[in-house]
Amino acid sequence: MALIFNAMENPTLESMSSHVGYSHYYCSAKFREHVGITYKQYVAKCRLEAAVRLLVSSDDKIIDIAFECGYSSSESLSRAFVKAYECTPTQYRKRYYGL
């Protein structure tokens, strides 16, 4: 099951299952079986990876990166970032650039 989405969109398992014509429960079970994590965890991981790419490849403001990656605020990006990387997006960017 190949899944590609734009981080700016708000992809849901419901919309995906409707698109492929299967129930939400069936798609959820199959997704976890094939990918090893839940759909929600997968989306969160993709959004964080997109944020990391933008942090290290651009000078965009954190708030702009947050919105571009599907977060509702820079605070929500920071919370997710701290949980995953044990630092804020600003700290990550400084470490990467060695500033």
PDB file of N, CA and C in Angstrom:
ATOM      1  N   MET A   1       0.852  -1.165   0.000  1.00  0.00           N
ATOM      2  CA  MET A   1       0.000   0.000   0.000  1.00  0.00           C
ATOM      3  C   MET A   1       0.898   1.228   0.000  1.00  0.00           C
ATOM      4  N   ALA A   2       0.987   1.881  -1.108  1.00  0.00           N
ATOM      5  CA  ALA A   2       1.789   3.093  -1.196  1.00  0.00           C
ATOM      6  C   ALA A   2       0.929   4.277  -0.781  1.00  0.00           C
ATOM      7  N   LEU A   3       1.476   5.110   0.067  1.00  0.00           N
ATOM      8  CA  LEU A   3       0.723   6.261   0.537  1.00  0.00           C
ATOM      9  C   LEU A   3       1.598   7.487   0.462  1.00  0.00           C
ATOM     10  N   ILE A   4       1.151   8.447  -0.306  1.00  0.00           N
ATOM     11  CA  ILE A   4       1.870   9.702  -0.429  1.00  0.00           C
ATOM     12  C   ILE A   4       0.858  10.801  -0.180  1.00  0.00           C
ATOM     13  N   PHE A   5       1.243  11.774   0.623  1.00  0.00           N
ATOM     14  CA  PHE A   5       0.334  12.883   0.876  1.00  0.00           C
ATOM     15  C   PHE A   5       1.120  14.158   1.036  1.00  0.00           C
ATOM     16  N   ASN A   6       0.422  15.237   0.857  1.00  0.00           N
ATOM     17  CA  ASN A   6       0.990  16.554   1.050  1.00  0.00           C
ATOM     18  C   ASN A   6       0.820  16.903   2.523  1.00  0.00           C
ATOM     19  N   ALA A   7       1.903  17.243   3.195  1.00  0.00           N
ATOM     20  CA  ALA A   7       1.843  17.542   4.630  1.00  0.00           C
ATOM     21  C   ALA A   7       0.920  18.715   4.925  1.00  0.00           C
ATOM     22  N   MET A   8       0.664  19.553   3.942  1.00  0.00           N
ATOM     23  CA  MET A   8      -0.217  20.694   4.147  1.00  0.00           C
ATOM     24  C   MET A   8      -1.666  20.238   4.288  1.00  0.00           C
ATOM     25  N   GLU A   9      -2.010  19.142   3.658  1.00  0.00           N
ATOM     26  CA  GLU A   9      -3.355  18.614   3.773  1.00  0.00           C
ATOM     27  C   GLU A   9      -3.521  17.970   5.145  1.00  0.00           C
ATOM     28  N   ASN A  10      -4.726  17.639   5.489  1.00  0.00           N
ATOM     29  CA  ASN A  10      -4.984  16.940   6.739  1.00  0.00           C
ATOM     30  C   ASN A  10      -5.517  15.554   6.393  1.00  0.00           C
ATOM     31  N   PRO A  11      -4.623  14.644   6.008  1.00  0.00           N
ATOM     32  CA  PRO A  11      -5.077  13.323   5.580  1.00  0.00           C
ATOM     33  C   PRO A  11      -5.630  12.528   6.764  1.00  0.00           C
ATOM     34  N   THR A  12      -6.765  11.920   6.562  1.00  0.00           N
ATOM     35  CA  THR A  12      -7.337  11.102   7.621  1.00  0.00           C
ATOM     36  C   THR A  12      -7.469   9.678   7.129  1.00  0.00           C
ATOM     37  N   LEU A  13      -7.503   8.766   8.063  1.00  0.00           N
ATOM     38  CA  LEU A  13      -7.708   7.370   7.706  1.00  0.00           C
ATOM     39  C   LEU A  13      -9.085   7.193   7.080  1.00  0.00           C
ATOM     40  N   GLU A  14     -10.035   7.978   7.540  1.00  0.00           N
ATOM     41  CA  GLU A  14     -11.384   7.903   6.983  1.00  0.00           C
ATOM     42  C   GLU A  14     -11.403   8.285   5.512  1.00  0.00           C
ATOM     43  N   SER A  15     -10.698   9.375   5.162  1.00  0.00           N
ATOM     44  CA  SER A  15     -10.668   9.794   3.758  1.00  0.00           C
ATOM     45  C   SER A  15      -9.909   8.786   2.901  1.00  0.00           C
ATOM     46  N   MET A  16      -8.828   8.230   3.444  1.00  0.00           N
ATOM     47  CA  MET A  16      -8.081   7.230   2.703  1.00  0.00           C
ATOM     48  C   MET A  16      -8.922   5.970   2.485  1.00  0.00           C
ATOM     49  N   SER A  17      -9.591   5.506   3.524  1.00  0.00           N
ATOM     50  CA  SER A  17     -10.387   4.283   3.396  1.00  0.00           C
ATOM     51  C   SER A  17     -11.566   4.498   2.445  1.00  0.00           C
ATOM     52  N   SER A  18     -12.157   5.675   2.477  1.00  0.00           N
ATOM     53  CA  SER A  18     -13.235   5.994   1.545  1.00  0.00           C
ATOM     54  C   SER A  18     -12.708   6.000   0.114  1.00  0.00           C
ATOM     55  N   HIS A  19     -11.520   6.524  -0.082  1.00  0.00           N
ATOM     56  CA  HIS A  19     -10.906   6.595  -1.409  1.00  0.00           C
ATOM     57  C   HIS A  19     -10.644   5.202  -1.983  1.00  0.00           C
ATOM     58  N   VAL A  20     -10.198   4.272  -1.144  1.00  0.00           N
ATOM     59  CA  VAL A  20      -9.883   2.928  -1.635  1.00  0.00           C
ATOM     60  C   VAL A  20     -11.069   1.970  -1.543  1.00  0.00           C
ATOM     61  N   GLY A  21     -12.154   2.409  -0.894  1.00  0.00           N
ATOM     62  CA  GLY A  21     -13.368   1.608  -0.872  1.00  0.00           C
ATOM     63  C   GLY A  21     -13.431   0.523   0.189  1.00  0.00           C
ATOM     64  N   TYR A  22     -12.672   0.669   1.252  1.00  0.00           N
ATOM     65  CA  TYR A  22     -12.702  -0.290   2.353  1.00  0.00           C
ATOM     66  C   TYR A  22     -13.127   0.419   3.633  1.00  0.00           C
ATOM     67  N   SER A  23     -13.483  -0.350   4.637  1.00  0.00           N
ATOM     68  CA  SER A  23     -13.889   0.257   5.899  1.00  0.00           C
ATOM     69  C   SER A  23     -12.683   0.851   6.627  1.00  0.00           C
ATOM     70  N   HIS A  24     -12.992   1.796   7.480  1.00  0.00           N
ATOM     71  CA  HIS A  24     -11.984   2.442   8.317  1.00  0.00           C
ATOM     72  C   HIS A  24     -11.236   1.398   9.156  1.00  0.00           C
ATOM     73  N   TYR A  25     -11.961   0.451   9.718  1.00  0.00           N
ATOM     74  CA  TYR A  25     -11.360  -0.565  10.593  1.00  0.00           C
ATOM     75  C   TYR A  25     -10.440  -1.503   9.817  1.00  0.00           C
ATOM     76  N   TYR A  26     -10.859  -1.894   8.631  1.00  0.00           N
ATOM     77  CA  TYR A  26     -10.045  -2.774   7.798  1.00  0.00           C
ATOM     78  C   TYR A  26      -8.751  -2.056   7.391  1.00  0.00           C
ATOM     79  N   CYS A  27      -8.879  -0.816   6.934  1.00  0.00           N
ATOM     80  CA  CYS A  27      -7.699  -0.058   6.517  1.00  0.00           C
ATOM     81  C   CYS A  27      -6.746   0.180   7.682  1.00  0.00           C
ATOM     82  N   SER A  28      -7.295   0.453   8.848  1.00  0.00           N
ATOM     83  CA  SER A  28      -6.468   0.675  10.028  1.00  0.00           C
ATOM     84  C   SER A  28      -5.650  -0.572  10.360  1.00  0.00           C
ATOM     85  N   ALA A  29      -6.308  -1.717  10.354  1.00  0.00           N
ATOM     86  CA  ALA A  29      -5.622  -2.977  10.663  1.00  0.00           C
ATOM     87  C   ALA A  29      -4.566  -3.304   9.606  1.00  0.00           C
ATOM     88  N   LYS A  30      -4.909  -3.135   8.344  1.00  0.00           N
ATOM     89  CA  LYS A  30      -3.959  -3.443   7.265  1.00  0.00           C
ATOM     90  C   LYS A  30      -2.782  -2.475   7.266  1.00  0.00           C
ATOM     91  N   PHE A  31      -3.063  -1.212   7.525  1.00  0.00           N
ATOM     92  CA  PHE A  31      -1.984  -0.226   7.569  1.00  0.00           C
ATOM     93  C   PHE A  31      -0.984  -0.592   8.655  1.00  0.00           C
ATOM     94  N   ARG A  32      -1.491  -0.866   9.839  1.00  0.00           N
ATOM     95  CA  ARG A  32      -0.599  -1.215  10.959  1.00  0.00           C
ATOM     96  C   ARG A  32       0.153  -2.516  10.673  1.00  0.00           C
ATOM     97  N   GLU A  33      -0.510  -3.465  10.059  1.00  0.00           N
ATOM     98  CA  GLU A  33       0.111  -4.744   9.719  1.00  0.00           C
ATOM     99  C   GLU A  33       1.283  -4.552   8.752  1.00  0.00           C
ATOM    100  N   HIS A  34       1.099  -3.688   7.762  1.00  0.00           N
ATOM    101  CA  HIS A  34       2.129  -3.504   6.736  1.00  0.00           C
ATOM    102  C   HIS A  34       3.198  -2.483   7.099  1.00  0.00           C
ATOM    103  N   VAL A  35       2.823  -1.455   7.833  1.00  0.00           N
ATOM    104  CA  VAL A  35       3.766  -0.379   8.128  1.00  0.00           C
ATOM    105  C   VAL A  35       4.397  -0.532   9.514  1.00  0.00           C
ATOM    106  N   GLY A  36       3.671  -1.165  10.431  1.00  0.00           N
ATOM    107  CA  GLY A  36       4.217  -1.414  11.759  1.00  0.00           C
ATOM    108  C   GLY A  36       3.864  -0.358  12.794  1.00  0.00           C
ATOM    109  N   ILE A  37       3.231   0.707  12.361  1.00  0.00           N
ATOM    110  CA  ILE A  37       2.765   1.752  13.265  1.00  0.00           C
ATOM    111  C   ILE A  37       1.366   2.162  12.815  1.00  0.00           C
ATOM    112  N   THR A  38       0.672   2.882  13.683  1.00  0.00           N
ATOM    113  CA  THR A  38      -0.672   3.315  13.317  1.00  0.00           C
ATOM    114  C   THR A  38      -0.599   4.416  12.259  1.00  0.00           C
ATOM    115  N   TYR A  39      -1.719   4.637  11.609  1.00  0.00           N
ATOM    116  CA  TYR A  39      -1.794   5.680  10.595  1.00  0.00           C
ATOM    117  C   TYR A  39      -1.498   7.052  11.204  1.00  0.00           C
ATOM    118  N   LYS A  40      -2.041   7.308  12.381  1.00  0.00           N
ATOM    119  CA  LYS A  40      -1.809   8.582  13.059  1.00  0.00           C
ATOM    120  C   LYS A  40      -0.317   8.771  13.374  1.00  0.00           C
ATOM    121  N   GLN A  41       0.344   7.710  13.830  1.00  0.00           N
ATOM    122  CA  GLN A  41       1.781   7.790  14.106  1.00  0.00           C
ATOM    123  C   GLN A  41       2.573   8.043  12.822  1.00  0.00           C
ATOM    124  N   TYR A  42       2.130   7.408  11.735  1.00  0.00           N
ATOM    125  CA  TYR A  42       2.795   7.582  10.443  1.00  0.00           C
ATOM    126  C   TYR A  42       2.698   9.033   9.969  1.00  0.00           C
ATOM    127  N   VAL A  43       1.518   9.618  10.063  1.00  0.00           N
ATOM    128  CA  VAL A  43       1.319  11.002   9.642  1.00  0.00           C
ATOM    129  C   VAL A  43       2.187  11.926  10.497  1.00  0.00           C
ATOM    130  N   ALA A  44       2.208  11.704  11.802  1.00  0.00           N
ATOM    131  CA  ALA A  44       3.024  12.528  12.698  1.00  0.00           C
ATOM    132  C   ALA A  44       4.506  12.420  12.338  1.00  0.00           C
ATOM    133  N   LYS A  45       4.941  11.221  12.033  1.00  0.00           N
ATOM    134  CA  LYS A  45       6.343  10.992  11.645  1.00  0.00           C
ATOM    135  C   LYS A  45       6.671  11.724  10.345  1.00  0.00           C
ATOM    136  N   CYS A  46       5.788  11.650   9.369  1.00  0.00           N
ATOM    137  CA  CYS A  46       6.007  12.337   8.094  1.00  0.00           C
ATOM    138  C   CYS A  46       6.064  13.846   8.274  1.00  0.00           C
ATOM    139  N   ARG A  47       5.192  14.381   9.111  1.00  0.00           N
ATOM    140  CA  ARG A  47       5.192  15.819   9.359  1.00  0.00           C
ATOM    141  C   ARG A  47       6.478  16.270  10.034  1.00  0.00           C
ATOM    142  N   LEU A  48       6.953  15.490  11.002  1.00  0.00           N
ATOM    143  CA  LEU A  48       8.216  15.835  11.674  1.00  0.00           C
ATOM    144  C   LEU A  48       9.390  15.751  10.709  1.00  0.00           C
ATOM    145  N   GLU A  49       9.412  14.736   9.870  1.00  0.00           N
ATOM    146  CA  GLU A  49      10.498  14.603   8.894  1.00  0.00           C
ATOM    147  C   GLU A  49      10.499  15.767   7.911  1.00  0.00           C
ATOM    148  N   ALA A  50       9.316  16.202   7.506  1.00  0.00           N
ATOM    149  CA  ALA A  50       9.215  17.364   6.623  1.00  0.00           C
ATOM    150  C   ALA A  50       9.725  18.617   7.330  1.00  0.00           C
ATOM    151  N   ALA A  51       9.387  18.769   8.608  1.00  0.00           N
ATOM    152  CA  ALA A  51       9.850  19.924   9.382  1.00  0.00           C
ATOM    153  C   ALA A  51      11.368  19.915   9.507  1.00  0.00           C
ATOM    154  N   VAL A  52      11.952  18.760   9.753  1.00  0.00           N
ATOM    155  CA  VAL A  52      13.411  18.657   9.850  1.00  0.00           C
ATOM    156  C   VAL A  52      14.059  19.082   8.533  1.00  0.00           C
ATOM    157  N   ARG A  53      13.529  18.590   7.419  1.00  0.00           N
ATOM    158  CA  ARG A  53      14.090  18.958   6.113  1.00  0.00           C
ATOM    159  C   ARG A  53      14.053  20.479   5.920  1.00  0.00           C
ATOM    160  N   LEU A  54      12.946  21.094   6.279  1.00  0.00           N
ATOM    161  CA  LEU A  54      12.833  22.546   6.116  1.00  0.00           C
ATOM    162  C   LEU A  54      13.723  23.299   7.095  1.00  0.00           C
ATOM    163  N   LEU A  55      13.860  22.799   8.300  1.00  0.00           N
ATOM    164  CA  LEU A  55      14.718  23.465   9.287  1.00  0.00           C
ATOM    165  C   LEU A  55      16.166  23.529   8.829  1.00  0.00           C
ATOM    166  N   VAL A  56      16.639  22.469   8.207  1.00  0.00           N
ATOM    167  CA  VAL A  56      18.053  22.417   7.828  1.00  0.00           C
ATOM    168  C   VAL A  56      18.322  22.917   6.412  1.00  0.00           C
ATOM    169  N   SER A  57      17.257  23.125   5.634  1.00  0.00           N
ATOM    170  CA  SER A  57      17.486  23.541   4.250  1.00  0.00           C
ATOM    171  C   SER A  57      16.962  24.940   3.941  1.00  0.00           C
ATOM    172  N   SER A  58      16.388  25.599   4.935  1.00  0.00           N
ATOM    173  CA  SER A  58      15.852  26.933   4.682  1.00  0.00           C
ATOM    174  C   SER A  58      16.049  27.823   5.902  1.00  0.00           C
ATOM    175  N   ASP A  59      15.809  29.094   5.676  1.00  0.00           N
ATOM    176  CA  ASP A  59      15.841  30.065   6.773  1.00  0.00           C
ATOM    177  C   ASP A  59      14.426  30.490   7.153  1.00  0.00           C
ATOM    178  N   ASP A  60      13.432  29.700   6.748  1.00  0.00           N
ATOM    179  CA  ASP A  60      12.041  30.023   7.047  1.00  0.00           C
ATOM    180  C   ASP A  60      11.821  30.114   8.552  1.00  0.00           C
ATOM    181  N   LYS A  61      10.876  30.943   8.939  1.00  0.00           N
ATOM    182  CA  LYS A  61      10.516  31.066  10.347  1.00  0.00           C
ATOM    183  C   LYS A  61       9.871  29.763  10.810  1.00  0.00           C
ATOM    184  N   ILE A  62      10.018  29.455  12.095  1.00  0.00           N
ATOM    185  CA  ILE A  62       9.460  28.235  12.675  1.00  0.00           C
ATOM    186  C   ILE A  62       7.951  28.180  12.457  1.00  0.00           C
ATOM    187  N   ILE A  63       7.264  29.295  12.623  1.00  0.00           N
ATOM    188  CA  ILE A  63       5.817  29.319  12.443  1.00  0.00           C
ATOM    189  C   ILE A  63       5.440  28.959  11.010  1.00  0.00           C
ATOM    190  N   ASP A  64       6.208  29.435  10.036  1.00  0.00           N
ATOM    191  CA  ASP A  64       5.933  29.112   8.632  1.00  0.00           C
ATOM    192  C   ASP A  64       6.173  27.627   8.354  1.00  0.00           C
ATOM    193  N   ILE A  65       7.210  27.079   8.946  1.00  0.00           N
ATOM    194  CA  ILE A  65       7.494  25.652   8.798  1.00  0.00           C
ATOM    195  C   ILE A  65       6.383  24.837   9.441  1.00  0.00           C
ATOM    196  N   ALA A  66       5.941  25.265  10.604  1.00  0.00           N
ATOM    197  CA  ALA A  66       4.853  24.566  11.293  1.00  0.00           C
ATOM    198  C   ALA A  66       3.616  24.499  10.408  1.00  0.00           C
ATOM    199  N   PHE A  67       3.201  25.625   9.860  1.00  0.00           N
ATOM    200  CA  PHE A  67       2.010  25.659   9.005  1.00  0.00           C
ATOM    201  C   PHE A  67       2.213  24.823   7.745  1.00  0.00           C
ATOM    202  N   GLU A  68       3.388  24.917   7.156  1.00  0.00           N
ATOM    203  CA  GLU A  68       3.662  24.163   5.926  1.00  0.00           C
ATOM    204  C   GLU A  68       3.618  22.652   6.162  1.00  0.00           C
ATOM    205  N   CYS A  69       3.954  22.231   7.375  1.00  0.00           N
ATOM    206  CA  CYS A  69       3.985  20.802   7.691  1.00  0.00           C
ATOM    207  C   CYS A  69       2.700  20.298   8.338  1.00  0.00           C
ATOM    208  N   GLY A  70       1.684  21.141   8.376  1.00  0.00           N
ATOM    209  CA  GLY A  70       0.385  20.700   8.852  1.00  0.00           C
ATOM    210  C   GLY A  70       0.107  20.906  10.325  1.00  0.00           C
ATOM    211  N   TYR A  71       0.957  21.664  11.006  1.00  0.00           N
ATOM    212  CA  TYR A  71       0.716  21.971  12.421  1.00  0.00           C
ATOM    213  C   TYR A  71      -0.114  23.242  12.522  1.00  0.00           C
ATOM    214  N   SER A  72      -0.894  23.353  13.572  1.00  0.00           N
ATOM    215  CA  SER A  72      -1.769  24.515  13.731  1.00  0.00           C
ATOM    216  C   SER A  72      -1.057  25.701  14.364  1.00  0.00           C
ATOM    217  N   SER A  73       0.133  25.468  14.931  1.00  0.00           N
ATOM    218  CA  SER A  73       0.894  26.554  15.566  1.00  0.00           C
ATOM    219  C   SER A  73       2.345  26.122  15.724  1.00  0.00           C
ATOM    220  N   SER A  74       3.197  27.092  16.018  1.00  0.00           N
ATOM    221  CA  SER A  74       4.599  26.750  16.268  1.00  0.00           C
ATOM    222  C   SER A  74       4.723  25.977  17.584  1.00  0.00           C
ATOM    223  N   GLU A  75       3.795  26.227  18.509  1.00  0.00           N
ATOM    224  CA  GLU A  75       3.816  25.505  19.790  1.00  0.00           C
ATOM    225  C   GLU A  75       3.527  24.017  19.589  1.00  0.00           C
ATOM    226  N   SER A  76       2.586  23.704  18.710  1.00  0.00           N
ATOM    227  CA  SER A  76       2.278  22.287  18.485  1.00  0.00           C
ATOM    228  C   SER A  76       3.449  21.589  17.799  1.00  0.00           C
ATOM    229  N   LEU A  77       4.136  22.281  16.891  1.00  0.00           N
ATOM    230  CA  LEU A  77       5.348  21.714  16.284  1.00  0.00           C
ATOM    231  C   LEU A  77       6.412  21.520  17.357  1.00  0.00           C
ATOM    232  N   SER A  78       6.593  22.503  18.213  1.00  0.00           N
ATOM    233  CA  SER A  78       7.619  22.399  19.261  1.00  0.00           C
ATOM    234  C   SER A  78       7.344  21.238  20.208  1.00  0.00           C
ATOM    235  N   ARG A  79       6.088  21.060  20.598  1.00  0.00           N
ATOM    236  CA  ARG A  79       5.748  19.931  21.489  1.00  0.00           C
ATOM    237  C   ARG A  79       6.093  18.601  20.828  1.00  0.00           C
ATOM    238  N   ALA A  80       5.711  18.443  19.581  1.00  0.00           N
ATOM    239  CA  ALA A  80       6.004  17.199  18.860  1.00  0.00           C
ATOM    240  C   ALA A  80       7.511  17.023  18.693  1.00  0.00           C
ATOM    241  N   PHE A  81       8.192  18.108  18.413  1.00  0.00           N
ATOM    242  CA  PHE A  81       9.635  18.066  18.197  1.00  0.00           C
ATOM    243  C   PHE A  81      10.379  17.661  19.466  1.00  0.00           C
ATOM    244  N   VAL A  82      10.003  18.267  20.585  1.00  0.00           N
ATOM    245  CA  VAL A  82      10.648  17.940  21.862  1.00  0.00           C
ATOM    246  C   VAL A  82      10.420  16.471  22.210  1.00  0.00           C
ATOM    247  N   LYS A  83       9.228  15.987  21.977  1.00  0.00           N
ATOM    248  CA  LYS A  83       8.912  14.591  22.270  1.00  0.00           C
ATOM    249  C   LYS A  83       9.760  13.636  21.419  1.00  0.00           C
ATOM    250  N   ALA A  84       9.963  13.985  20.160  1.00  0.00           N
ATOM    251  CA  ALA A  84      10.702  13.102  19.246  1.00  0.00           C
ATOM    252  C   ALA A  84      12.216  13.284  19.316  1.00  0.00           C
ATOM    253  N   TYR A  85      12.681  14.534  19.430  1.00  0.00           N
ATOM    254  CA  TYR A  85      14.114  14.818  19.317  1.00  0.00           C
ATOM    255  C   TYR A  85      14.747  15.381  20.582  1.00  0.00           C
ATOM    256  N   GLU A  86      13.950  15.589  21.619  1.00  0.00           N
ATOM    257  CA  GLU A  86      14.420  16.111  22.901  1.00  0.00           C
ATOM    258  C   GLU A  86      15.068  17.482  22.784  1.00  0.00           C
ATOM    259  N   CYS A  87      14.600  18.268  21.833  1.00  0.00           N
ATOM    260  CA  CYS A  87      15.019  19.660  21.697  1.00  0.00           C
ATOM    261  C   CYS A  87      13.958  20.387  20.884  1.00  0.00           C
ATOM    262  N   THR A  88      13.984  21.696  20.933  1.00  0.00           N
ATOM    263  CA  THR A  88      13.024  22.481  20.164  1.00  0.00           C
ATOM    264  C   THR A  88      13.500  22.585  18.716  1.00  0.00           C
ATOM    265  N   PRO A  89      12.624  22.997  17.808  1.00  0.00           N
ATOM    266  CA  PRO A  89      13.057  23.197  16.427  1.00  0.00           C
ATOM    267  C   PRO A  89      14.197  24.211  16.313  1.00  0.00           C
ATOM    268  N   THR A  90      14.146  25.269  17.108  1.00  0.00           N
ATOM    269  CA  THR A  90      15.212  26.270  17.086  1.00  0.00           C
ATOM    270  C   THR A  90      16.528  25.669  17.556  1.00  0.00           C
ATOM    271  N   GLN A  91      16.503  24.882  18.616  1.00  0.00           N
ATOM    272  CA  GLN A  91      17.722  24.230  19.105  1.00  0.00           C
ATOM    273  C   GLN A  91      18.261  23.252  18.064  1.00  0.00           C
ATOM    274  N   TYR A  92      17.363  22.517  17.418  1.00  0.00           N
ATOM    275  CA  TYR A  92      17.784  21.569  16.375  1.00  0.00           C
ATOM    276  C   TYR A  92      18.478  22.305  15.236  1.00  0.00           C
ATOM    277  N   ARG A  93      17.887  23.395  14.806  1.00  0.00           N
ATOM    278  CA  ARG A  93      18.465  24.174  13.709  1.00  0.00           C
ATOM    279  C   ARG A  93      19.849  24.699  14.113  1.00  0.00           C
ATOM    280  N   LYS A  94      19.987  25.190  15.340  1.00  0.00           N
ATOM    281  CA  LYS A  94      21.282  25.707  15.802  1.00  0.00           C
ATOM    282  C   LYS A  94      22.336  24.605  15.848  1.00  0.00           C
ATOM    283  N   ARG A  95      21.930  23.417  16.315  1.00  0.00           N
ATOM    284  CA  ARG A  95      22.873  22.281  16.355  1.00  0.00           C
ATOM    285  C   ARG A  95      23.308  21.899  14.939  1.00  0.00           C
ATOM    286  N   TYR A  96      22.358  21.888  14.020  1.00  0.00           N
ATOM    287  CA  TYR A  96      22.671  21.486  12.653  1.00  0.00           C
ATOM    288  C   TYR A  96      23.617  22.477  12.002  1.00  0.00           C
ATOM    289  N   TYR A  97      23.358  23.752  12.174  1.00  0.00           N
ATOM    290  CA  TYR A  97      24.197  24.773  11.571  1.00  0.00           C
ATOM    291  C   TYR A  97      25.432  25.083  12.402  1.00  0.00           C
ATOM    292  N   GLY A  98      25.510  24.528  13.607  1.00  0.00           N
ATOM    293  CA  GLY A  98      26.661  24.734  14.466  1.00  0.00           C
ATOM    294  C   GLY A  98      26.804  26.172  14.944  1.00  0.00           C
ATOM    295  N   LEU A  99      25.692  26.844  15.103  1.00  0.00           N
ATOM    296  CA  LEU A  99      25.735  28.246  15.543  1.00  0.00           C
ATOM    297  C   LEU A  99      25.859  28.349  17.047  1.00  0.00           C
TER     298      LEU A  99
END
